[in-house]
Amino acid sequence: MSPDCLDYNIAKIGLQSLTRDLAFQFKPRIRVNAVAPGWVDTRMNANLSPEYIREETDKIYLERFARPEEIARVIYFLASDDASYINGAVLTVDGGY
């Protein structure tokens, strides 16, 4: 976490807490989980400089940004019966950042 992103970092922590609290409130009928993606190759970051992208990519074990469909597959899994015993989790999908 970087101090220059304080508002963003606080919001992330709030969402983690909200996920756990909602999972408790809706137990056992409704499961509540969250996905915390790292860098994703989207239009939102299309204007980043190549140097900055390279710096960030160097920090990722898989050495690339995620594709949107990779994040979508994780969400699909969490919503499926295959994840029926996962509740209150925040799943980090960041390529090993």
PDB file of N, CA and C in Angstrom:
ATOM      1  N   MET A   1       0.837  -1.186   0.000  1.00  0.00           N
ATOM      2  CA  MET A   1       0.000   0.000   0.000  1.00  0.00           C
ATOM      3  C   MET A   1       0.876   1.242   0.000  1.00  0.00           C
ATOM      4  N   SER A   2       0.442   2.179  -0.745  1.00  0.00           N
ATOM      5  CA  SER A   2       1.215   3.400  -0.895  1.00  0.00           C
ATOM      6  C   SER A   2       0.480   4.571  -0.248  1.00  0.00           C
ATOM      7  N   PRO A   3       1.189   5.418   0.492  1.00  0.00           N
ATOM      8  CA  PRO A   3       0.528   6.556   1.135  1.00  0.00           C
ATOM      9  C   PRO A   3      -0.089   7.548   0.153  1.00  0.00           C
ATOM     10  N   ASP A   4       0.393   7.571  -1.097  1.00  0.00           N
ATOM     11  CA  ASP A   4      -0.189   8.497  -2.055  1.00  0.00           C
ATOM     12  C   ASP A   4      -1.532   8.008  -2.592  1.00  0.00           C
ATOM     13  N   CYS A   5      -1.941   6.819  -2.191  1.00  0.00           N
ATOM     14  CA  CYS A   5      -3.228   6.248  -2.606  1.00  0.00           C
ATOM     15  C   CYS A   5      -4.101   5.981  -1.384  1.00  0.00           C
ATOM     16  N   LEU A   6      -4.003   6.842  -0.385  1.00  0.00           N
ATOM     17  CA  LEU A   6      -4.672   6.616   0.891  1.00  0.00           C
ATOM     18  C   LEU A   6      -6.172   6.385   0.734  1.00  0.00           C
ATOM     19  N   ASP A   7      -6.848   7.210  -0.042  1.00  0.00           N
ATOM     20  CA  ASP A   7      -8.294   7.056  -0.206  1.00  0.00           C
ATOM     21  C   ASP A   7      -8.639   5.718  -0.853  1.00  0.00           C
ATOM     22  N   TYR A   8      -7.874   5.319  -1.849  1.00  0.00           N
ATOM     23  CA  TYR A   8      -8.091   4.043  -2.532  1.00  0.00           C
ATOM     24  C   TYR A   8      -7.853   2.881  -1.568  1.00  0.00           C
ATOM     25  N   ASN A   9      -6.771   2.940  -0.805  1.00  0.00           N
ATOM     26  CA  ASN A   9      -6.443   1.869   0.130  1.00  0.00           C
ATOM     27  C   ASN A   9      -7.494   1.728   1.223  1.00  0.00           C
ATOM     28  N   ILE A  10      -7.980   2.842   1.734  1.00  0.00           N
ATOM     29  CA  ILE A  10      -9.012   2.804   2.770  1.00  0.00           C
ATOM     30  C   ILE A  10     -10.295   2.194   2.215  1.00  0.00           C
ATOM     31  N   ALA A  11     -10.644   2.563   0.989  1.00  0.00           N
ATOM     32  CA  ALA A  11     -11.846   1.997   0.363  1.00  0.00           C
ATOM     33  C   ALA A  11     -11.712   0.490   0.207  1.00  0.00           C
ATOM     34  N   LYS A  12     -10.530  -0.003  -0.173  1.00  0.00           N
ATOM     35  CA  LYS A  12     -10.321  -1.444  -0.316  1.00  0.00           C
ATOM     36  C   LYS A  12     -10.508  -2.164   1.015  1.00  0.00           C
ATOM     37  N   ILE A  13      -9.959  -1.608   2.069  1.00  0.00           N
ATOM     38  CA  ILE A  13     -10.092  -2.220   3.394  1.00  0.00           C
ATOM     39  C   ILE A  13     -11.560  -2.219   3.822  1.00  0.00           C
ATOM     40  N   GLY A  14     -12.272  -1.140   3.526  1.00  0.00           N
ATOM     41  CA  GLY A  14     -13.698  -1.079   3.844  1.00  0.00           C
ATOM     42  C   GLY A  14     -14.487  -2.150   3.118  1.00  0.00           C
ATOM     43  N   LEU A  15     -14.165  -2.399   1.858  1.00  0.00           N
ATOM     44  CA  LEU A  15     -14.865  -3.436   1.102  1.00  0.00           C
ATOM     45  C   LEU A  15     -14.554  -4.830   1.640  1.00  0.00           C
ATOM     46  N   GLN A  16     -13.328  -5.036   2.104  1.00  0.00           N
ATOM     47  CA  GLN A  16     -12.980  -6.325   2.712  1.00  0.00           C
ATOM     48  C   GLN A  16     -13.813  -6.554   3.971  1.00  0.00           C
ATOM     49  N   SER A  17     -13.918  -5.538   4.800  1.00  0.00           N
ATOM     50  CA  SER A  17     -14.709  -5.640   6.021  1.00  0.00           C
ATOM     51  C   SER A  17     -16.188  -5.827   5.696  1.00  0.00           C
ATOM     52  N   LEU A  18     -16.690  -5.075   4.729  1.00  0.00           N
ATOM     53  CA  LEU A  18     -18.088  -5.199   4.330  1.00  0.00           C
ATOM     54  C   LEU A  18     -18.389  -6.612   3.832  1.00  0.00           C
ATOM     55  N   THR A  19     -17.488  -7.202   3.081  1.00  0.00           N
ATOM     56  CA  THR A  19     -17.678  -8.567   2.580  1.00  0.00           C
ATOM     57  C   THR A  19     -17.845  -9.549   3.732  1.00  0.00           C
ATOM     58  N   ARG A  20     -16.960  -9.472   4.696  1.00  0.00           N
ATOM     59  CA  ARG A  20     -17.048 -10.388   5.847  1.00  0.00           C
ATOM     60  C   ARG A  20     -18.316 -10.133   6.664  1.00  0.00           C
ATOM     61  N   ASP A  21     -18.643  -8.862   6.882  1.00  0.00           N
ATOM     62  CA  ASP A  21     -19.834  -8.530   7.668  1.00  0.00           C
ATOM     63  C   ASP A  21     -21.106  -8.997   6.981  1.00  0.00           C
ATOM     64  N   LEU A  22     -21.205  -8.797   5.671  1.00  0.00           N
ATOM     65  CA  LEU A  22     -22.396  -9.239   4.942  1.00  0.00           C
ATOM     66  C   LEU A  22     -22.490 -10.760   4.903  1.00  0.00           C
ATOM     67  N   ALA A  23     -21.359 -11.440   4.778  1.00  0.00           N
ATOM     68  CA  ALA A  23     -21.363 -12.902   4.802  1.00  0.00           C
ATOM     69  C   ALA A  23     -21.935 -13.404   6.129  1.00  0.00           C
ATOM     70  N   PHE A  24     -21.566 -12.739   7.205  1.00  0.00           N
ATOM     71  CA  PHE A  24     -22.099 -13.118   8.525  1.00  0.00           C
ATOM     72  C   PHE A  24     -23.593 -12.801   8.619  1.00  0.00           C
ATOM     73  N   GLN A  25     -23.988 -11.632   8.165  1.00  0.00           N
ATOM     74  CA  GLN A  25     -25.383 -11.209   8.262  1.00  0.00           C
ATOM     75  C   GLN A  25     -26.322 -12.117   7.472  1.00  0.00           C
ATOM     76  N   PHE A  26     -25.886 -12.599   6.318  1.00  0.00           N
ATOM     77  CA  PHE A  26     -26.751 -13.389   5.443  1.00  0.00           C
ATOM     78  C   PHE A  26     -26.560 -14.892   5.578  1.00  0.00           C
ATOM     79  N   LYS A  27     -25.695 -15.324   6.492  1.00  0.00           N
ATOM     80  CA  LYS A  27     -25.469 -16.757   6.665  1.00  0.00           C
ATOM     81  C   LYS A  27     -26.746 -17.449   7.107  1.00  0.00           C
ATOM     82  N   PRO A  28     -26.994 -18.677   6.860  1.00  0.00           N
ATOM     83  CA  PRO A  28     -26.237 -19.546   5.961  1.00  0.00           C
ATOM     84  C   PRO A  28     -26.805 -19.569   4.534  1.00  0.00           C
ATOM     85  N   ARG A  29     -27.825 -18.784   4.275  1.00  0.00           N
ATOM     86  CA  ARG A  29     -28.529 -18.886   2.990  1.00  0.00           C
ATOM     87  C   ARG A  29     -27.809 -18.222   1.827  1.00  0.00           C
ATOM     88  N   ILE A  30     -27.136 -17.110   2.078  1.00  0.00           N
ATOM     89  CA  ILE A  30     -26.523 -16.357   0.990  1.00  0.00           C
ATOM     90  C   ILE A  30     -25.026 -16.234   1.259  1.00  0.00           C
ATOM     91  N   ARG A  31     -24.239 -16.604   0.276  1.00  0.00           N
ATOM     92  CA  ARG A  31     -22.783 -16.460   0.382  1.00  0.00           C
ATOM     93  C   ARG A  31     -22.381 -15.097  -0.173  1.00  0.00           C
ATOM     94  N   VAL A  32     -21.428 -14.460   0.494  1.00  0.00           N
ATOM     95  CA  VAL A  32     -20.926 -13.160   0.045  1.00  0.00           C
ATOM     96  C   VAL A  32     -19.408 -13.246  -0.039  1.00  0.00           C
ATOM     97  N   ASN A  33     -18.895 -13.018  -1.229  1.00  0.00           N
ATOM     98  CA  ASN A  33     -17.459 -13.025  -1.465  1.00  0.00           C
ATOM     99  C   ASN A  33     -17.102 -11.817  -2.327  1.00  0.00           C
ATOM    100  N   ALA A  34     -15.835 -11.507  -2.363  1.00  0.00           N
ATOM    101  CA  ALA A  34     -15.365 -10.389  -3.184  1.00  0.00           C
ATOM    102  C   ALA A  34     -14.143 -10.811  -3.975  1.00  0.00           C
ATOM    103  N   VAL A  35     -13.931 -10.141  -5.074  1.00  0.00           N
ATOM    104  CA  VAL A  35     -12.741 -10.351  -5.885  1.00  0.00           C
ATOM    105  C   VAL A  35     -11.933  -9.060  -5.859  1.00  0.00           C
ATOM    106  N   ALA A  36     -10.650  -9.195  -5.565  1.00  0.00           N
ATOM    107  CA  ALA A  36      -9.739  -8.047  -5.525  1.00  0.00           C
ATOM    108  C   ALA A  36      -8.715  -8.212  -6.639  1.00  0.00           C
ATOM    109  N   PRO A  37      -9.035  -7.703  -7.817  1.00  0.00           N
ATOM    110  CA  PRO A  37      -8.090  -7.863  -8.930  1.00  0.00           C
ATOM    111  C   PRO A  37      -6.927  -6.904  -8.820  1.00  0.00           C
ATOM    112  N   GLY A  38      -5.810  -7.329  -9.371  1.00  0.00           N
ATOM    113  CA  GLY A  38      -4.673  -6.436  -9.528  1.00  0.00           C
ATOM    114  C   GLY A  38      -4.852  -5.679 -10.832  1.00  0.00           C
ATOM    115  N   TRP A  39      -3.746  -5.424 -11.501  1.00  0.00           N
ATOM    116  CA  TRP A  39      -3.803  -4.724 -12.782  1.00  0.00           C
ATOM    117  C   TRP A  39      -4.546  -5.569 -13.799  1.00  0.00           C
ATOM    118  N   VAL A  40      -5.476  -4.922 -14.522  1.00  0.00           N
ATOM    119  CA  VAL A  40      -6.229  -5.576 -15.585  1.00  0.00           C
ATOM    120  C   VAL A  40      -6.078  -4.731 -16.845  1.00  0.00           C
ATOM    121  N   ASP A  41      -5.863  -5.390 -17.948  1.00  0.00           N
ATOM    122  CA  ASP A  41      -5.680  -4.704 -19.221  1.00  0.00           C
ATOM    123  C   ASP A  41      -7.029  -4.201 -19.726  1.00  0.00           C
ATOM    124  N   THR A  42      -7.367  -2.971 -19.360  1.00  0.00           N
ATOM    125  CA  THR A  42      -8.639  -2.362 -19.755  1.00  0.00           C
ATOM    126  C   THR A  42      -8.388  -0.961 -20.298  1.00  0.00           C
ATOM    127  N   ARG A  43      -9.431  -0.366 -20.819  1.00  0.00           N
ATOM    128  CA  ARG A  43      -9.321   1.009 -21.315  1.00  0.00           C
ATOM    129  C   ARG A  43      -8.968   1.987 -20.204  1.00  0.00           C
ATOM    130  N   MET A  44      -9.314   1.631 -18.965  1.00  0.00           N
ATOM    131  CA  MET A  44      -9.057   2.537 -17.851  1.00  0.00           C
ATOM    132  C   MET A  44      -7.564   2.868 -17.718  1.00  0.00           C
ATOM    133  N   ASN A  45      -6.714   1.912 -18.053  1.00  0.00           N
ATOM    134  CA  ASN A  45      -5.282   2.173 -17.918  1.00  0.00           C
ATOM    135  C   ASN A  45      -4.583   2.270 -19.274  1.00  0.00           C
ATOM    136  N   ALA A  46      -5.350   2.490 -20.329  1.00  0.00           N
ATOM    137  CA  ALA A  46      -4.783   2.570 -21.680  1.00  0.00           C
ATOM    138  C   ALA A  46      -3.849   3.767 -21.859  1.00  0.00           C
ATOM    139  N   ASN A  47      -4.011   4.794 -21.051  1.00  0.00           N
ATOM    140  CA  ASN A  47      -3.183   5.997 -21.202  1.00  0.00           C
ATOM    141  C   ASN A  47      -1.950   6.002 -20.302  1.00  0.00           C
ATOM    142  N   LEU A  48      -1.702   4.903 -19.616  1.00  0.00           N
ATOM    143  CA  LEU A  48      -0.496   4.830 -18.792  1.00  0.00           C
ATOM    144  C   LEU A  48       0.728   4.789 -19.701  1.00  0.00           C
ATOM    145  N   SER A  49       1.796   5.378 -19.240  1.00  0.00           N
ATOM    146  CA  SER A  49       3.015   5.383 -20.054  1.00  0.00           C
ATOM    147  C   SER A  49       3.588   3.968 -20.134  1.00  0.00           C
ATOM    148  N   PRO A  50       4.252   3.664 -21.238  1.00  0.00           N
ATOM    149  CA  PRO A  50       4.892   2.347 -21.360  1.00  0.00           C
ATOM    150  C   PRO A  50       5.898   2.080 -20.238  1.00  0.00           C
ATOM    151  N   GLU A  51       6.571   3.119 -19.794  1.00  0.00           N
ATOM    152  CA  GLU A  51       7.545   2.951 -18.700  1.00  0.00           C
ATOM    153  C   GLU A  51       6.847   2.532 -17.410  1.00  0.00           C
ATOM    154  N   TYR A  52       5.728   3.184 -17.098  1.00  0.00           N
ATOM    155  CA  TYR A  52       4.993   2.853 -15.882  1.00  0.00           C
ATOM    156  C   TYR A  52       4.426   1.430 -15.973  1.00  0.00           C
ATOM    157  N   ILE A  53       3.888   1.079 -17.122  1.00  0.00           N
ATOM    158  CA  ILE A  53       3.360  -0.283 -17.308  1.00  0.00           C
ATOM    159  C   ILE A  53       4.485  -1.295 -17.110  1.00  0.00           C
ATOM    160  N   ARG A  54       5.645  -1.009 -17.643  1.00  0.00           N
ATOM    161  CA  ARG A  54       6.786  -1.912 -17.488  1.00  0.00           C
ATOM    162  C   ARG A  54       7.191  -2.034 -16.014  1.00  0.00           C
ATOM    163  N   GLU A  55       7.209  -0.906 -15.305  1.00  0.00           N
ATOM    164  CA  GLU A  55       7.545  -0.929 -13.873  1.00  0.00           C
ATOM    165  C   GLU A  55       6.553  -1.801 -13.103  1.00  0.00           C
ATOM    166  N   GLU A  56       5.275  -1.641 -13.395  1.00  0.00           N
ATOM    167  CA  GLU A  56       4.253  -2.412 -12.689  1.00  0.00           C
ATOM    168  C   GLU A  56       4.287  -3.876 -13.097  1.00  0.00           C
ATOM    169  N   THR A  57       4.480  -4.142 -14.374  1.00  0.00           N
ATOM    170  CA  THR A  57       4.557  -5.521 -14.856  1.00  0.00           C
ATOM    171  C   THR A  57       5.734  -6.259 -14.221  1.00  0.00           C
ATOM    172  N   ASP A  58       6.826  -5.566 -13.991  1.00  0.00           N
ATOM    173  CA  ASP A  58       7.986  -6.184 -13.352  1.00  0.00           C
ATOM    174  C   ASP A  58       7.687  -6.643 -11.930  1.00  0.00           C
ATOM    175  N   LYS A  59       6.681  -6.070 -11.290  1.00  0.00           N
ATOM    176  CA  LYS A  59       6.309  -6.441  -9.929  1.00  0.00           C
ATOM    177  C   LYS A  59       5.372  -7.654  -9.898  1.00  0.00           C
ATOM    178  N   ILE A  60       4.817  -8.025 -11.036  1.00  0.00           N
ATOM    179  CA  ILE A  60       3.836  -9.105 -11.123  1.00  0.00           C
ATOM    180  C   ILE A  60       4.565 -10.398 -11.477  1.00  0.00           C
ATOM    181  N   TYR A  61       4.373 -11.438 -10.687  1.00  0.00           N
ATOM    182  CA  TYR A  61       5.067 -12.704 -10.925  1.00  0.00           C
ATOM    183  C   TYR A  61       4.778 -13.258 -12.317  1.00  0.00           C
ATOM    184  N   LEU A  62       3.562 -13.083 -12.809  1.00  0.00           N
ATOM    185  CA  LEU A  62       3.219 -13.589 -14.140  1.00  0.00           C
ATOM    186  C   LEU A  62       3.612 -12.620 -15.253  1.00  0.00           C
ATOM    187  N   GLU A  63       4.187 -11.481 -14.885  1.00  0.00           N
ATOM    188  CA  GLU A  63       4.799 -10.515 -15.797  1.00  0.00           C
ATOM    189  C   GLU A  63       3.851  -9.951 -16.852  1.00  0.00           C
ATOM    190  N   ARG A  64       2.591  -9.756 -16.470  1.00  0.00           N
ATOM    191  CA  ARG A  64       1.621  -9.146 -17.382  1.00  0.00           C
ATOM    192  C   ARG A  64       0.394  -8.728 -16.597  1.00  0.00           C
ATOM    193  N   PHE A  65      -0.399  -7.856 -17.191  1.00  0.00           N
ATOM    194  CA  PHE A  65      -1.696  -7.502 -16.615  1.00  0.00           C
ATOM    195  C   PHE A  65      -2.676  -8.629 -16.924  1.00  0.00           C
ATOM    196  N   ALA A  66      -3.688  -8.768 -16.103  1.00  0.00           N
ATOM    197  CA  ALA A  66      -4.731  -9.775 -16.353  1.00  0.00           C
ATOM    198  C   ALA A  66      -5.581  -9.354 -17.544  1.00  0.00           C
ATOM    199  N   ARG A  67      -6.157 -10.335 -18.182  1.00  0.00           N
ATOM    200  CA  ARG A  67      -7.173 -10.064 -19.196  1.00  0.00           C
ATOM    201  C   ARG A  67      -8.519 -10.004 -18.484  1.00  0.00           C
ATOM    202  N   PRO A  68      -9.444  -9.177 -18.911  1.00  0.00           N
ATOM    203  CA  PRO A  68     -10.748  -9.073 -18.245  1.00  0.00           C
ATOM    204  C   PRO A  68     -11.446 -10.419 -18.086  1.00  0.00           C
ATOM    205  N   GLU A  69     -11.327 -11.280 -19.080  1.00  0.00           N
ATOM    206  CA  GLU A  69     -11.999 -12.580 -18.995  1.00  0.00           C
ATOM    207  C   GLU A  69     -11.411 -13.468 -17.894  1.00  0.00           C
ATOM    208  N   GLU A  70     -10.156 -13.247 -17.532  1.00  0.00           N
ATOM    209  CA  GLU A  70      -9.575 -14.015 -16.431  1.00  0.00           C
ATOM    210  C   GLU A  70     -10.238 -13.632 -15.105  1.00  0.00           C
ATOM    211  N   ILE A  71     -10.516 -12.370 -14.927  1.00  0.00           N
ATOM    212  CA  ILE A  71     -11.210 -11.921 -13.721  1.00  0.00           C
ATOM    213  C   ILE A  71     -12.650 -12.410 -13.751  1.00  0.00           C
ATOM    214  N   ALA A  72     -13.283 -12.357 -14.906  1.00  0.00           N
ATOM    215  CA  ALA A  72     -14.668 -12.816 -15.048  1.00  0.00           C
ATOM    216  C   ALA A  72     -14.791 -14.293 -14.688  1.00  0.00           C
ATOM    217  N   ARG A  73     -13.810 -15.103 -15.062  1.00  0.00           N
ATOM    218  CA  ARG A  73     -13.864 -16.544 -14.745  1.00  0.00           C
ATOM    219  C   ARG A  73     -13.824 -16.781 -13.236  1.00  0.00           C
ATOM    220  N   VAL A  74     -13.061 -15.957 -12.522  1.00  0.00           N
ATOM    221  CA  VAL A  74     -12.999 -16.087 -11.058  1.00  0.00           C
ATOM    222  C   VAL A  74     -14.357 -15.735 -10.458  1.00  0.00           C
ATOM    223  N   ILE A  75     -14.971 -14.677 -10.947  1.00  0.00           N
ATOM    224  CA  ILE A  75     -16.296 -14.289 -10.456  1.00  0.00           C
ATOM    225  C   ILE A  75     -17.309 -15.382 -10.756  1.00  0.00           C
ATOM    226  N   TYR A  76     -17.248 -15.933 -11.943  1.00  0.00           N
ATOM    227  CA  TYR A  76     -18.155 -17.020 -12.324  1.00  0.00           C
ATOM    228  C   TYR A  76     -17.975 -18.210 -11.384  1.00  0.00           C
ATOM    229  N   PHE A  77     -16.735 -18.556 -11.099  1.00  0.00           N
ATOM    230  CA  PHE A  77     -16.456 -19.659 -10.173  1.00  0.00           C
ATOM    231  C   PHE A  77     -17.062 -19.393  -8.799  1.00  0.00           C
ATOM    232  N   LEU A  78     -16.836 -18.197  -8.261  1.00  0.00           N
ATOM    233  CA  LEU A  78     -17.357 -17.890  -6.925  1.00  0.00           C
ATOM    234  C   LEU A  78     -18.880 -17.935  -6.875  1.00  0.00           C
ATOM    235  N   ALA A  79     -19.530 -17.640  -7.988  1.00  0.00           N
ATOM    236  CA  ALA A  79     -20.996 -17.672  -8.033  1.00  0.00           C
ATOM    237  C   ALA A  79     -21.532 -19.081  -8.279  1.00  0.00           C
ATOM    238  N   SER A  80     -20.661 -20.007  -8.619  1.00  0.00           N
ATOM    239  CA  SER A  80     -21.102 -21.358  -8.974  1.00  0.00           C
ATOM    240  C   SER A  80     -21.193 -22.267  -7.750  1.00  0.00           C
ATOM    241  N   ASP A  81     -21.813 -23.410  -7.957  1.00  0.00           N
ATOM    242  CA  ASP A  81     -21.887 -24.418  -6.900  1.00  0.00           C
ATOM    243  C   ASP A  81     -20.515 -25.009  -6.574  1.00  0.00           C
ATOM    244  N   ASP A  82     -19.552 -24.868  -7.481  1.00  0.00           N
ATOM    245  CA  ASP A  82     -18.192 -25.349  -7.208  1.00  0.00           C
ATOM    246  C   ASP A  82     -17.550 -24.607  -6.046  1.00  0.00           C
ATOM    247  N   ALA A  83     -18.053 -23.422  -5.735  1.00  0.00           N
ATOM    248  CA  ALA A  83     -17.518 -22.619  -4.632  1.00  0.00           C
ATOM    249  C   ALA A  83     -18.507 -22.578  -3.466  1.00  0.00           C
ATOM    250  N   SER A  84     -19.302 -23.625  -3.320  1.00  0.00           N
ATOM    251  CA  SER A  84     -20.400 -23.618  -2.351  1.00  0.00           C
ATOM    252  C   SER A  84     -19.949 -23.518  -0.895  1.00  0.00           C
ATOM    253  N   TYR A  85     -18.685 -23.767  -0.604  1.00  0.00           N
ATOM    254  CA  TYR A  85     -18.216 -23.668   0.776  1.00  0.00           C
ATOM    255  C   TYR A  85     -17.263 -22.491   0.974  1.00  0.00           C
ATOM    256  N   ILE A  86     -17.299 -21.556   0.067  1.00  0.00           N
ATOM    257  CA  ILE A  86     -16.498 -20.338   0.199  1.00  0.00           C
ATOM    258  C   ILE A  86     -17.448 -19.211   0.580  1.00  0.00           C
ATOM    259  N   ASN A  87     -17.197 -18.589   1.710  1.00  0.00           N
ATOM    260  CA  ASN A  87     -18.068 -17.520   2.184  1.00  0.00           C
ATOM    261  C   ASN A  87     -17.252 -16.521   3.002  1.00  0.00           C
ATOM    262  N   GLY A  88     -17.468 -15.241   2.731  1.00  0.00           N
ATOM    263  CA  GLY A  88     -16.766 -14.190   3.460  1.00  0.00           C
ATOM    264  C   GLY A  88     -15.335 -13.998   3.000  1.00  0.00           C
ATOM    265  N   ALA A  89     -15.002 -14.517   1.822  1.00  0.00           N
ATOM    266  CA  ALA A  89     -13.639 -14.453   1.340  1.00  0.00           C
ATOM    267  C   ALA A  89     -13.426 -13.267   0.405  1.00  0.00           C
ATOM    268  N   VAL A  90     -12.223 -12.746   0.446  1.00  0.00           N
ATOM    269  CA  VAL A  90     -11.782 -11.758  -0.532  1.00  0.00           C
ATOM    270  C   VAL A  90     -10.675 -12.438  -1.317  1.00  0.00           C
ATOM    271  N   LEU A  91     -10.976 -12.781  -2.558  1.00  0.00           N
ATOM    272  CA  LEU A  91     -10.037 -13.515  -3.386  1.00  0.00           C
ATOM    273  C   LEU A  91      -9.187 -12.537  -4.201  1.00  0.00           C
ATOM    274  N   THR A  92      -7.902 -12.541  -3.933  1.00  0.00           N
ATOM    275  CA  THR A  92      -6.971 -11.683  -4.650  1.00  0.00           C
ATOM    276  C   THR A  92      -6.577 -12.353  -5.953  1.00  0.00           C
ATOM    277  N   VAL A  93      -6.772 -11.641  -7.053  1.00  0.00           N
ATOM    278  CA  VAL A  93      -6.447 -12.157  -8.380  1.00  0.00           C
ATOM    279  C   VAL A  93      -5.519 -11.131  -9.025  1.00  0.00           C
ATOM    280  N   ASP A  94      -4.219 -11.274  -8.714  1.00  0.00           N
ATOM    281  CA  ASP A  94      -3.278 -10.239  -9.133  1.00  0.00           C
ATOM    282  C   ASP A  94      -2.041 -10.775  -9.820  1.00  0.00           C
ATOM    283  N   GLY A  95      -2.049 -12.031 -10.197  1.00  0.00           N
ATOM    284  CA  GLY A  95      -0.885 -12.600 -10.886  1.00  0.00           C
ATOM    285  C   GLY A  95       0.347 -12.724 -10.013  1.00  0.00           C
ATOM    286  N   GLY A  96       0.174 -12.570  -8.713  1.00  0.00           N
ATOM    287  CA  GLY A  96       1.305 -12.653  -7.792  1.00  0.00           C
ATOM    288  C   GLY A  96       2.010 -11.320  -7.606  1.00  0.00           C
ATOM    289  N   TYR A  97       1.236 -10.254  -7.437  1.00  0.00           N
ATOM    290  CA  TYR A  97       1.794  -8.915  -7.310  1.00  0.00           C
ATOM    291  C   TYR A  97       2.528  -8.758  -6.001  1.00  0.00           C
TER     292      TYR A  97
END
